[in-house]
Amino acid sequence: MKMKDVLEGYNYDLPLMDAVNDVELRPVRRLLAGALVGESLDAGYFATREMADAYFDLWNDDRKGVRYGEGYLAFEEILKDKNPLQMKLWYLTCERDLKETVKDMRWLAILANRRAYMARAVRESGAQVLHVSARNLVAGKTPAEMVADQKVWN
């Protein structure tokens, strides 16, 4: 059997679904993996990596006794931009223990990287797989688009 035959029709969300369904994983990691399902490969990785780095910087600031350091500034930008995926990850993690959240977000960034890395294997095999993010499948306006310009909610 050729690699092309194995990877034909590959579902990039498969590693995420494996994590979501892994009863050995802590529930927060299962939720975080589920948050990436349907996201584009590049945005899923880069948004997750930025969040993981910001949490690490925040933890590092706390260890140094710095109140408004790199982590605080990173989150100030992230929360100001209101990227839907990052906001979803923020609300899943913002009230959890910081040290544990750093570990969980690093884990998620590694998972997102492995997911995106499969694009190279698929391309090199010659398999025909098109990944369309869930956001690009929406035909009409979303509630987020409709209220995005309202200062009251933002």
C-alpha atoms as a PDB file:
ATOM      1  CA  MET A   1       0.000   0.000   0.000  1.00  0.00           C
ATOM      2  CA  LYS A   2       1.300   3.445  -0.909  1.00  0.00           C
ATOM      3  CA  MET A   3       1.415   6.380   1.499  1.00  0.00           C
ATOM      4  CA  LYS A   4      -0.786   8.333  -0.908  1.00  0.00           C
ATOM      5  CA  ASP A   5      -3.533   5.722  -0.494  1.00  0.00           C
ATOM      6  CA  VAL A   6      -3.251   5.882   3.295  1.00  0.00           C
ATOM      7  CA  LEU A   7      -3.430   9.675   3.428  1.00  0.00           C
ATOM      8  CA  GLU A   8      -6.109  10.196   0.782  1.00  0.00           C
ATOM      9  CA  GLY A   9      -8.966  11.965   2.517  1.00  0.00           C
ATOM     10  CA  TYR A  10      -6.948  12.548   5.697  1.00  0.00           C
ATOM     11  CA  ASN A  11      -8.845  14.448   8.388  1.00  0.00           C
ATOM     12  CA  TYR A  12      -6.563  17.035  10.020  1.00  0.00           C
ATOM     13  CA  ASP A  13      -8.835  17.111  13.050  1.00  0.00           C
ATOM     14  CA  LEU A  14      -8.166  13.432  13.780  1.00  0.00           C
ATOM     15  CA  PRO A  15      -5.386  14.077  16.368  1.00  0.00           C
ATOM     16  CA  LEU A  16      -7.662  16.575  18.085  1.00  0.00           C
ATOM     17  CA  MET A  17     -10.568  14.141  18.154  1.00  0.00           C
ATOM     18  CA  ASP A  18      -8.253  11.474  19.565  1.00  0.00           C
ATOM     19  CA  ALA A  19      -7.374  13.856  22.400  1.00  0.00           C
ATOM     20  CA  VAL A  20     -11.018  14.845  22.972  1.00  0.00           C
ATOM     21  CA  ASN A  21     -11.964  11.183  23.314  1.00  0.00           C
ATOM     22  CA  ASP A  22      -8.945  10.137  25.419  1.00  0.00           C
ATOM     23  CA  VAL A  23     -10.380   9.367  28.846  1.00  0.00           C
ATOM     24  CA  GLU A  24      -6.828   9.272  30.252  1.00  0.00           C
ATOM     25  CA  LEU A  25      -6.391  13.001  29.586  1.00  0.00           C
ATOM     26  CA  ARG A  26      -7.455  15.572  32.133  1.00  0.00           C
ATOM     27  CA  PRO A  27     -10.773  17.215  31.185  1.00  0.00           C
ATOM     28  CA  VAL A  28      -9.192  20.632  30.596  1.00  0.00           C
ATOM     29  CA  ARG A  29      -6.873  19.191  27.944  1.00  0.00           C
ATOM     30  CA  ARG A  30      -9.783  17.455  26.281  1.00  0.00           C
ATOM     31  CA  LEU A  31     -11.657  20.780  26.199  1.00  0.00           C
ATOM     32  CA  LEU A  32      -8.628  22.614  24.799  1.00  0.00           C
ATOM     33  CA  ALA A  33      -8.202  20.046  22.034  1.00  0.00           C
ATOM     34  CA  GLY A  34     -11.897  20.402  21.206  1.00  0.00           C
ATOM     35  CA  ALA A  35     -11.459  24.164  20.900  1.00  0.00           C
ATOM     36  CA  LEU A  36      -9.108  23.635  17.936  1.00  0.00           C
ATOM     37  CA  VAL A  37     -11.425  21.315  16.011  1.00  0.00           C
ATOM     38  CA  GLY A  38     -12.427  22.946  12.751  1.00  0.00           C
ATOM     39  CA  GLU A  39      -9.789  25.689  12.958  1.00  0.00           C
ATOM     40  CA  SER A  40      -7.415  26.265  10.073  1.00  0.00           C
ATOM     41  CA  LEU A  41      -4.023  24.599  10.404  1.00  0.00           C
ATOM     42  CA  ASP A  42      -1.926  27.749  10.431  1.00  0.00           C
ATOM     43  CA  ALA A  43      -4.239  29.915  12.533  1.00  0.00           C
ATOM     44  CA  GLY A  44      -4.765  27.028  14.950  1.00  0.00           C
ATOM     45  CA  TYR A  45      -1.035  26.671  15.481  1.00  0.00           C
ATOM     46  CA  PHE A  46      -0.019  30.329  15.548  1.00  0.00           C
ATOM     47  CA  ALA A  47      -2.905  31.479  17.765  1.00  0.00           C
ATOM     48  CA  THR A  48      -2.278  28.624  20.193  1.00  0.00           C
ATOM     49  CA  ARG A  49       1.471  29.212  20.222  1.00  0.00           C
ATOM     50  CA  GLU A  50       0.995  32.925  20.909  1.00  0.00           C
ATOM     51  CA  MET A  51      -1.292  32.096  23.842  1.00  0.00           C
ATOM     52  CA  ALA A  52       1.136  29.482  25.195  1.00  0.00           C
ATOM     53  CA  ASP A  53       4.021  31.959  25.000  1.00  0.00           C
ATOM     54  CA  ALA A  54       1.948  34.684  26.683  1.00  0.00           C
ATOM     55  CA  TYR A  55       1.039  32.345  29.550  1.00  0.00           C
ATOM     56  CA  PHE A  56       4.684  31.342  29.952  1.00  0.00           C
ATOM     57  CA  ASP A  57       5.722  35.011  30.011  1.00  0.00           C
ATOM     58  CA  LEU A  58       3.012  35.760  32.570  1.00  0.00           C
ATOM     59  CA  TRP A  59       4.220  32.897  34.766  1.00  0.00           C
ATOM     60  CA  ASN A  60       7.805  34.108  34.357  1.00  0.00           C
ATOM     61  CA  ASP A  61       6.737  37.644  35.332  1.00  0.00           C
ATOM     62  CA  ASP A  62       5.062  36.248  38.446  1.00  0.00           C
ATOM     63  CA  ARG A  63       8.195  34.331  39.423  1.00  0.00           C
ATOM     64  CA  LYS A  64      10.251  37.530  39.092  1.00  0.00           C
ATOM     65  CA  GLY A  65       7.677  39.578  41.008  1.00  0.00           C
ATOM     66  CA  VAL A  66       6.931  41.780  37.982  1.00  0.00           C
ATOM     67  CA  ARG A  67       3.320  42.989  37.772  1.00  0.00           C
ATOM     68  CA  TYR A  68       3.212  44.557  34.301  1.00  0.00           C
ATOM     69  CA  GLY A  69       5.823  42.561  32.437  1.00  0.00           C
ATOM     70  CA  GLU A  70       5.994  40.768  29.102  1.00  0.00           C
ATOM     71  CA  GLY A  71       3.132  38.404  29.901  1.00  0.00           C
ATOM     72  CA  TYR A  72       0.790  41.175  30.926  1.00  0.00           C
ATOM     73  CA  LEU A  73       1.637  43.154  27.777  1.00  0.00           C
ATOM     74  CA  ALA A  74       1.193  40.067  25.589  1.00  0.00           C
ATOM     75  CA  PHE A  75      -2.256  39.398  27.016  1.00  0.00           C
ATOM     76  CA  GLU A  76      -3.166  43.049  26.714  1.00  0.00           C
ATOM     77  CA  GLU A  77      -2.587  42.756  22.931  1.00  0.00           C
ATOM     78  CA  ILE A  78      -4.260  39.353  22.620  1.00  0.00           C
ATOM     79  CA  LEU A  79      -7.382  40.476  24.468  1.00  0.00           C
ATOM     80  CA  LYS A  80      -7.509  43.740  22.547  1.00  0.00           C
ATOM     81  CA  ASP A  81      -7.368  41.883  19.187  1.00  0.00           C
ATOM     82  CA  LYS A  82     -10.231  39.552  20.204  1.00  0.00           C
ATOM     83  CA  ASN A  83      -9.225  36.692  17.896  1.00  0.00           C
ATOM     84  CA  PRO A  84     -12.152  34.238  18.266  1.00  0.00           C
ATOM     85  CA  LEU A  85      -9.931  31.199  18.840  1.00  0.00           C
ATOM     86  CA  GLN A  86      -7.742  32.997  21.344  1.00  0.00           C
ATOM     87  CA  MET A  87     -10.772  34.313  23.191  1.00  0.00           C
ATOM     88  CA  LYS A  88     -12.151  30.777  23.356  1.00  0.00           C
ATOM     89  CA  LEU A  89      -8.823  29.542  24.763  1.00  0.00           C
ATOM     90  CA  TRP A  90      -8.695  32.493  27.179  1.00  0.00           C
ATOM     91  CA  TYR A  91     -12.105  31.718  28.646  1.00  0.00           C
ATOM     92  CA  LEU A  92     -11.215  28.031  28.983  1.00  0.00           C
ATOM     93  CA  THR A  93      -8.009  28.826  30.881  1.00  0.00           C
ATOM     94  CA  CYS A  94      -8.109  32.263  32.518  1.00  0.00           C
ATOM     95  CA  GLU A  95      -9.429  31.097  35.887  1.00  0.00           C
ATOM     96  CA  ARG A  96      -7.190  28.079  36.231  1.00  0.00           C
ATOM     97  CA  ASP A  97      -3.890  27.731  38.106  1.00  0.00           C
ATOM     98  CA  LEU A  98      -1.249  29.638  36.127  1.00  0.00           C
ATOM     99  CA  LYS A  99       1.496  27.001  36.396  1.00  0.00           C
ATOM    100  CA  GLU A 100      -0.846  24.221  35.259  1.00  0.00           C
ATOM    101  CA  THR A 101      -2.206  26.425  32.456  1.00  0.00           C
ATOM    102  CA  VAL A 102       1.332  27.006  31.166  1.00  0.00           C
ATOM    103  CA  LYS A 103       1.794  23.234  30.931  1.00  0.00           C
ATOM    104  CA  ASP A 104      -1.623  22.717  29.311  1.00  0.00           C
ATOM    105  CA  MET A 105      -1.073  25.434  26.719  1.00  0.00           C
ATOM    106  CA  ARG A 106       2.384  24.108  25.849  1.00  0.00           C
ATOM    107  CA  TRP A 107       0.783  20.689  25.365  1.00  0.00           C
ATOM    108  CA  LEU A 108      -1.876  22.219  23.111  1.00  0.00           C
ATOM    109  CA  ALA A 109       0.726  24.114  21.064  1.00  0.00           C
ATOM    110  CA  ILE A 110       2.635  20.861  20.498  1.00  0.00           C
ATOM    111  CA  LEU A 111      -0.602  19.130  19.457  1.00  0.00           C
ATOM    112  CA  ALA A 112      -1.430  21.995  17.072  1.00  0.00           C
ATOM    113  CA  ASN A 113       2.072  21.788  15.612  1.00  0.00           C
ATOM    114  CA  ARG A 114       1.795  18.042  15.013  1.00  0.00           C
ATOM    115  CA  ARG A 115      -1.604  18.579  13.384  1.00  0.00           C
ATOM    116  CA  ALA A 116      -0.246  21.253  11.039  1.00  0.00           C
ATOM    117  CA  TYR A 117       2.893  19.237  10.306  1.00  0.00           C
ATOM    118  CA  MET A 118       0.753  16.521   8.726  1.00  0.00           C
ATOM    119  CA  ALA A 119       0.148  18.917   5.810  1.00  0.00           C
ATOM    120  CA  ARG A 120       3.735  18.285   4.690  1.00  0.00           C
ATOM    121  CA  ALA A 121       3.313  14.502   4.822  1.00  0.00           C
ATOM    122  CA  VAL A 122       0.044  14.713   2.905  1.00  0.00           C
ATOM    123  CA  ARG A 123       1.540  17.034   0.272  1.00  0.00           C
ATOM    124  CA  GLU A 124       4.654  14.884  -0.161  1.00  0.00           C
ATOM    125  CA  SER A 125       2.538  11.746  -0.581  1.00  0.00           C
ATOM    126  CA  GLY A 126       0.625  13.346  -3.447  1.00  0.00           C
ATOM    127  CA  ALA A 127      -2.715  12.707  -1.734  1.00  0.00           C
ATOM    128  CA  GLN A 128      -5.540  15.082  -2.504  1.00  0.00           C
ATOM    129  CA  VAL A 129      -6.765  16.515   0.769  1.00  0.00           C
ATOM    130  CA  LEU A 130      -8.348  19.908   1.133  1.00  0.00           C
ATOM    131  CA  HIS A 131      -8.725  21.293   4.622  1.00  0.00           C
ATOM    132  CA  VAL A 132     -11.444  23.888   5.003  1.00  0.00           C
ATOM    133  CA  SER A 133     -11.816  25.439   8.428  1.00  0.00           C
ATOM    134  CA  ALA A 134     -15.270  25.414  10.010  1.00  0.00           C
ATOM    135  CA  ARG A 135     -15.294  29.224   9.976  1.00  0.00           C
ATOM    136  CA  ASN A 136     -15.048  29.177   6.165  1.00  0.00           C
ATOM    137  CA  LEU A 137     -18.100  26.928   5.881  1.00  0.00           C
ATOM    138  CA  VAL A 138     -20.472  29.516   7.358  1.00  0.00           C
ATOM    139  CA  ALA A 139     -22.719  30.871   4.619  1.00  0.00           C
ATOM    140  CA  GLY A 140     -24.313  33.839   6.381  1.00  0.00           C
ATOM    141  CA  LYS A 141     -23.319  36.354   8.994  1.00  0.00           C
ATOM    142  CA  THR A 142     -22.303  35.107  12.396  1.00  0.00           C
ATOM    143  CA  PRO A 143     -23.434  36.697  15.657  1.00  0.00           C
ATOM    144  CA  ALA A 144     -19.812  37.686  16.290  1.00  0.00           C
ATOM    145  CA  GLU A 145     -19.681  39.622  13.021  1.00  0.00           C
ATOM    146  CA  MET A 146     -22.952  41.355  13.766  1.00  0.00           C
ATOM    147  CA  VAL A 147     -21.901  42.690  17.163  1.00  0.00           C
ATOM    148  CA  ALA A 148     -18.173  43.200  16.472  1.00  0.00           C
ATOM    149  CA  ASP A 149     -18.528  46.943  16.012  1.00  0.00           C
ATOM    150  CA  GLN A 150     -20.476  47.504  19.233  1.00  0.00           C
ATOM    151  CA  LYS A 151     -18.267  49.048  21.936  1.00  0.00           C
ATOM    152  CA  VAL A 152     -20.700  47.990  24.659  1.00  0.00           C
ATOM    153  CA  TRP A 153     -19.919  44.289  24.165  1.00  0.00           C
ATOM    154  CA  ASN A 154     -16.277  44.602  23.262  1.00  0.00           C
END
